[in-house]
Amino acid sequence: MKRSAVLGTYRKELYRSKFCICPRGKTQVGGVCLAESMTFGCVPGQQFDSVE
């Protein structure tokens, strides 16, 4: 599958979703996933192992 087709499918799924799961990155904030989810209108959700 071509990269453009994969990205197109990814974008369509984000547009259709109400919530997007953003895995925790190296920083406290989700980084790229957090920004993408807000750009596409999803509510970003993160899961943490513990609450500080």
PDB file of N, CA and C in Angstrom:
ATOM      1  N   MET A   1       0.856  -1.177   0.000  1.00  0.00           N
ATOM      2  CA  MET A   1       0.000   0.000   0.000  1.00  0.00           C
ATOM      3  C   MET A   1       0.901   1.239   0.000  1.00  0.00           C
ATOM      4  N   LYS A   2       0.553   2.199  -0.818  1.00  0.00           N
ATOM      5  CA  LYS A   2       1.354   3.413  -0.916  1.00  0.00           C
ATOM      6  C   LYS A   2       1.187   4.280   0.321  1.00  0.00           C
ATOM      7  N   ARG A   3       2.218   5.041   0.587  1.00  0.00           N
ATOM      8  CA  ARG A   3       2.214   5.905   1.773  1.00  0.00           C
ATOM      9  C   ARG A   3       1.056   6.897   1.738  1.00  0.00           C
ATOM     10  N   SER A   4       0.790   7.466   0.573  1.00  0.00           N
ATOM     11  CA  SER A   4      -0.304   8.447   0.473  1.00  0.00           C
ATOM     12  C   SER A   4      -1.655   7.806   0.803  1.00  0.00           C
ATOM     13  N   ALA A   5      -1.830   6.549   0.415  1.00  0.00           N
ATOM     14  CA  ALA A   5      -3.082   5.850   0.722  1.00  0.00           C
ATOM     15  C   ALA A   5      -3.203   5.590   2.218  1.00  0.00           C
ATOM     16  N   VAL A   6      -2.095   5.222   2.841  1.00  0.00           N
ATOM     17  CA  VAL A   6      -2.094   4.974   4.289  1.00  0.00           C
ATOM     18  C   VAL A   6      -2.400   6.261   5.047  1.00  0.00           C
ATOM     19  N   LEU A   7      -1.766   7.357   4.654  1.00  0.00           N
ATOM     20  CA  LEU A   7      -2.019   8.637   5.317  1.00  0.00           C
ATOM     21  C   LEU A   7      -3.448   9.109   5.099  1.00  0.00           C
ATOM     22  N   GLY A   8      -3.987   8.867   3.907  1.00  0.00           N
ATOM     23  CA  GLY A   8      -5.374   9.238   3.630  1.00  0.00           C
ATOM     24  C   GLY A   8      -6.340   8.469   4.510  1.00  0.00           C
ATOM     25  N   THR A   9      -6.101   7.178   4.677  1.00  0.00           N
ATOM     26  CA  THR A   9      -6.940   6.346   5.544  1.00  0.00           C
ATOM     27  C   THR A   9      -6.830   6.809   6.991  1.00  0.00           C
ATOM     28  N   TYR A  10      -5.613   7.118   7.427  1.00  0.00           N
ATOM     29  CA  TYR A  10      -5.375   7.603   8.795  1.00  0.00           C
ATOM     30  C   TYR A  10      -6.154   8.890   9.055  1.00  0.00           C
ATOM     31  N   ARG A  11      -6.087   9.803   8.117  1.00  0.00           N
ATOM     32  CA  ARG A  11      -6.802  11.080   8.265  1.00  0.00           C
ATOM     33  C   ARG A  11      -8.313  10.874   8.317  1.00  0.00           C
ATOM     34  N   LYS A  12      -8.826  10.007   7.459  1.00  0.00           N
ATOM     35  CA  LYS A  12     -10.268   9.734   7.455  1.00  0.00           C
ATOM     36  C   LYS A  12     -10.722   9.159   8.786  1.00  0.00           C
ATOM     37  N   GLU A  13      -9.935   8.257   9.341  1.00  0.00           N
ATOM     38  CA  GLU A  13     -10.285   7.661  10.633  1.00  0.00           C
ATOM     39  C   GLU A  13     -10.244   8.696  11.748  1.00  0.00           C
ATOM     40  N   LEU A  14      -9.282   9.592  11.715  1.00  0.00           N
ATOM     41  CA  LEU A  14      -9.227  10.644  12.734  1.00  0.00           C
ATOM     42  C   LEU A  14     -10.420  11.580  12.611  1.00  0.00           C
ATOM     43  N   TYR A  15     -10.803  11.938  11.399  1.00  0.00           N
ATOM     44  CA  TYR A  15     -11.970  12.806  11.199  1.00  0.00           C
ATOM     45  C   TYR A  15     -13.246  12.147  11.720  1.00  0.00           C
ATOM     46  N   ARG A  16     -13.368  10.838  11.553  1.00  0.00           N
ATOM     47  CA  ARG A  16     -14.577  10.126  11.977  1.00  0.00           C
ATOM     48  C   ARG A  16     -14.616   9.863  13.473  1.00  0.00           C
ATOM     49  N   SER A  17     -13.473   9.925  14.141  1.00  0.00           N
ATOM     50  CA  SER A  17     -13.383   9.569  15.558  1.00  0.00           C
ATOM     51  C   SER A  17     -13.720  10.746  16.459  1.00  0.00           C
ATOM     52  N   LYS A  18     -14.307  10.437  17.595  1.00  0.00           N
ATOM     53  CA  LYS A  18     -14.565  11.461  18.607  1.00  0.00           C
ATOM     54  C   LYS A  18     -13.420  11.524  19.607  1.00  0.00           C
ATOM     55  N   PHE A  19     -12.810  10.382  19.866  1.00  0.00           N
ATOM     56  CA  PHE A  19     -11.687  10.291  20.790  1.00  0.00           C
ATOM     57  C   PHE A  19     -10.509   9.630  20.081  1.00  0.00           C
ATOM     58  N   CYS A  20      -9.312  10.086  20.374  1.00  0.00           N
ATOM     59  CA  CYS A  20      -8.095   9.507  19.798  1.00  0.00           C
ATOM     60  C   CYS A  20      -7.147   9.157  20.946  1.00  0.00           C
ATOM     61  N   ILE A  21      -6.674   7.933  20.949  1.00  0.00           N
ATOM     62  CA  ILE A  21      -5.735   7.512  21.988  1.00  0.00           C
ATOM     63  C   ILE A  21      -4.335   7.948  21.583  1.00  0.00           C
ATOM     64  N   CYS A  22      -3.682   8.673  22.467  1.00  0.00           N
ATOM     65  CA  CYS A  22      -2.328   9.152  22.209  1.00  0.00           C
ATOM     66  C   CYS A  22      -1.385   8.501  23.209  1.00  0.00           C
ATOM     67  N   PRO A  23      -0.518   7.621  22.735  1.00  0.00           N
ATOM     68  CA  PRO A  23       0.422   6.988  23.659  1.00  0.00           C
ATOM     69  C   PRO A  23       1.393   8.013  24.225  1.00  0.00           C
ATOM     70  N   ARG A  24       1.801   7.781  25.443  1.00  0.00           N
ATOM     71  CA  ARG A  24       2.731   8.700  26.089  1.00  0.00           C
ATOM     72  C   ARG A  24       4.080   8.607  25.398  1.00  0.00           C
ATOM     73  N   GLY A  25       4.638   9.746  25.075  1.00  0.00           N
ATOM     74  CA  GLY A  25       5.940   9.796  24.422  1.00  0.00           C
ATOM     75  C   GLY A  25       7.051   9.989  25.436  1.00  0.00           C
ATOM     76  N   LYS A  26       8.144  10.536  24.979  1.00  0.00           N
ATOM     77  CA  LYS A  26       9.285  10.758  25.860  1.00  0.00           C
ATOM     78  C   LYS A  26       9.052  11.940  26.794  1.00  0.00           C
ATOM     79  N   THR A  27       8.084  12.771  26.457  1.00  0.00           N
ATOM     80  CA  THR A  27       7.761  13.922  27.303  1.00  0.00           C
ATOM     81  C   THR A  27       6.418  13.693  27.966  1.00  0.00           C
ATOM     82  N   GLN A  28       6.038  14.545  28.861  1.00  0.00           N
ATOM     83  CA  GLN A  28       4.756  14.432  29.551  1.00  0.00           C
ATOM     84  C   GLN A  28       3.597  14.642  28.593  1.00  0.00           C
ATOM     85  N   VAL A  29       3.790  15.472  27.594  1.00  0.00           N
ATOM     86  CA  VAL A  29       2.738  15.767  26.618  1.00  0.00           C
ATOM     87  C   VAL A  29       2.879  14.784  25.467  1.00  0.00           C
ATOM     88  N   GLY A  30       1.781  14.424  24.825  1.00  0.00           N
ATOM     89  CA  GLY A  30       1.787  13.429  23.761  1.00  0.00           C
ATOM     90  C   GLY A  30       2.501  13.830  22.496  1.00  0.00           C
ATOM     91  N   GLY A  31       2.892  15.071  22.359  1.00  0.00           N
ATOM     92  CA  GLY A  31       3.646  15.521  21.198  1.00  0.00           C
ATOM     93  C   GLY A  31       2.821  15.537  19.932  1.00  0.00           C
ATOM     94  N   VAL A  32       3.316  14.858  18.901  1.00  0.00           N
ATOM     95  CA  VAL A  32       2.706  14.878  17.576  1.00  0.00           C
ATOM     96  C   VAL A  32       1.285  14.328  17.609  1.00  0.00           C
ATOM     97  N   CYS A  33       1.081  13.223  18.296  1.00  0.00           N
ATOM     98  CA  CYS A  33      -0.253  12.614  18.345  1.00  0.00           C
ATOM     99  C   CYS A  33      -1.261  13.574  18.982  1.00  0.00           C
ATOM    100  N   LEU A  34      -0.860  14.252  20.016  1.00  0.00           N
ATOM    101  CA  LEU A  34      -1.737  15.211  20.689  1.00  0.00           C
ATOM    102  C   LEU A  34      -2.117  16.345  19.737  1.00  0.00           C
ATOM    103  N   ALA A  35      -1.144  16.880  19.027  1.00  0.00           N
ATOM    104  CA  ALA A  35      -1.407  17.966  18.085  1.00  0.00           C
ATOM    105  C   ALA A  35      -2.282  17.495  16.926  1.00  0.00           C
ATOM    106  N   GLU A  36      -1.994  16.296  16.394  1.00  0.00           N
ATOM    107  CA  GLU A  36      -2.794  15.768  15.289  1.00  0.00           C
ATOM    108  C   GLU A  36      -4.239  15.547  15.707  1.00  0.00           C
ATOM    109  N   SER A  37      -4.440  14.975  16.875  1.00  0.00           N
ATOM    110  CA  SER A  37      -5.807  14.690  17.299  1.00  0.00           C
ATOM    111  C   SER A  37      -6.619  15.972  17.446  1.00  0.00           C
ATOM    112  N   MET A  38      -6.015  17.016  17.978  1.00  0.00           N
ATOM    113  CA  MET A  38      -6.734  18.287  18.108  1.00  0.00           C
ATOM    114  C   MET A  38      -6.971  18.923  16.742  1.00  0.00           C
ATOM    115  N   THR A  39      -6.033  18.772  15.826  1.00  0.00           N
ATOM    116  CA  THR A  39      -6.193  19.313  14.480  1.00  0.00           C
ATOM    117  C   THR A  39      -7.373  18.668  13.764  1.00  0.00           C
ATOM    118  N   PHE A  40      -7.547  17.357  13.955  1.00  0.00           N
ATOM    119  CA  PHE A  40      -8.611  16.631  13.277  1.00  0.00           C
ATOM    120  C   PHE A  40      -9.911  16.613  14.069  1.00  0.00           C
ATOM    121  N   GLY A  41      -9.957  17.288  15.199  1.00  0.00           N
ATOM    122  CA  GLY A  41     -11.195  17.413  15.948  1.00  0.00           C
ATOM    123  C   GLY A  41     -11.478  16.291  16.931  1.00  0.00           C
ATOM    124  N   CYS A  42     -10.481  15.481  17.238  1.00  0.00           N
ATOM    125  CA  CYS A  42     -10.647  14.405  18.231  1.00  0.00           C
ATOM    126  C   CYS A  42     -10.336  14.938  19.620  1.00  0.00           C
ATOM    127  N   VAL A  43     -10.887  14.276  20.616  1.00  0.00           N
ATOM    128  CA  VAL A  43     -10.514  14.565  21.992  1.00  0.00           C
ATOM    129  C   VAL A  43      -9.359  13.626  22.330  1.00  0.00           C
ATOM    130  N   PRO A  44      -8.170  14.168  22.594  1.00  0.00           N
ATOM    131  CA  PRO A  44      -7.029  13.298  22.871  1.00  0.00           C
ATOM    132  C   PRO A  44      -7.143  12.639  24.230  1.00  0.00           C
ATOM    133  N   GLY A  45      -6.819  11.365  24.277  1.00  0.00           N
ATOM    134  CA  GLY A  45      -6.841  10.622  25.516  1.00  0.00           C
ATOM    135  C   GLY A  45      -5.505   9.957  25.749  1.00  0.00           C
ATOM    136  N   GLN A  46      -5.002  10.044  26.970  1.00  0.00           N
ATOM    137  CA  GLN A  46      -3.734   9.422  27.305  1.00  0.00           C
ATOM    138  C   GLN A  46      -3.924   8.496  28.492  1.00  0.00           C
ATOM    139  N   GLN A  47      -3.181   7.427  28.511  1.00  0.00           N
ATOM    140  CA  GLN A  47      -3.239   6.477  29.624  1.00  0.00           C
ATOM    141  C   GLN A  47      -1.890   6.494  30.322  1.00  0.00           C
ATOM    142  N   PHE A  48      -1.936   6.592  31.633  1.00  0.00           N
ATOM    143  CA  PHE A  48      -0.717   6.619  32.422  1.00  0.00           C
ATOM    144  C   PHE A  48      -0.692   5.430  33.372  1.00  0.00           C
ATOM    145  N   ASP A  49       0.501   4.959  33.669  1.00  0.00           N
ATOM    146  CA  ASP A  49       0.658   3.858  34.610  1.00  0.00           C
ATOM    147  C   ASP A  49       0.346   4.301  36.037  1.00  0.00           C
ATOM    148  N   SER A  50       0.687   5.544  36.352  1.00  0.00           N
ATOM    149  CA  SER A  50       0.432   6.055  37.697  1.00  0.00           C
ATOM    150  C   SER A  50       0.120   7.544  37.614  1.00  0.00           C
ATOM    151  N   VAL A  51      -0.529   8.029  38.642  1.00  0.00           N
ATOM    152  CA  VAL A  51      -0.862   9.454  38.710  1.00  0.00           C
ATOM    153  C   VAL A  51       0.112  10.114  39.670  1.00  0.00           C
ATOM    154  N   GLU A  52       0.695  11.202  39.236  1.00  0.00           N
ATOM    155  CA  GLU A  52       1.659  11.903  40.094  1.00  0.00           C
ATOM    156  C   GLU A  52       1.028  13.094  40.740  1.00  0.00           C
TER     157      GLU A  52
END
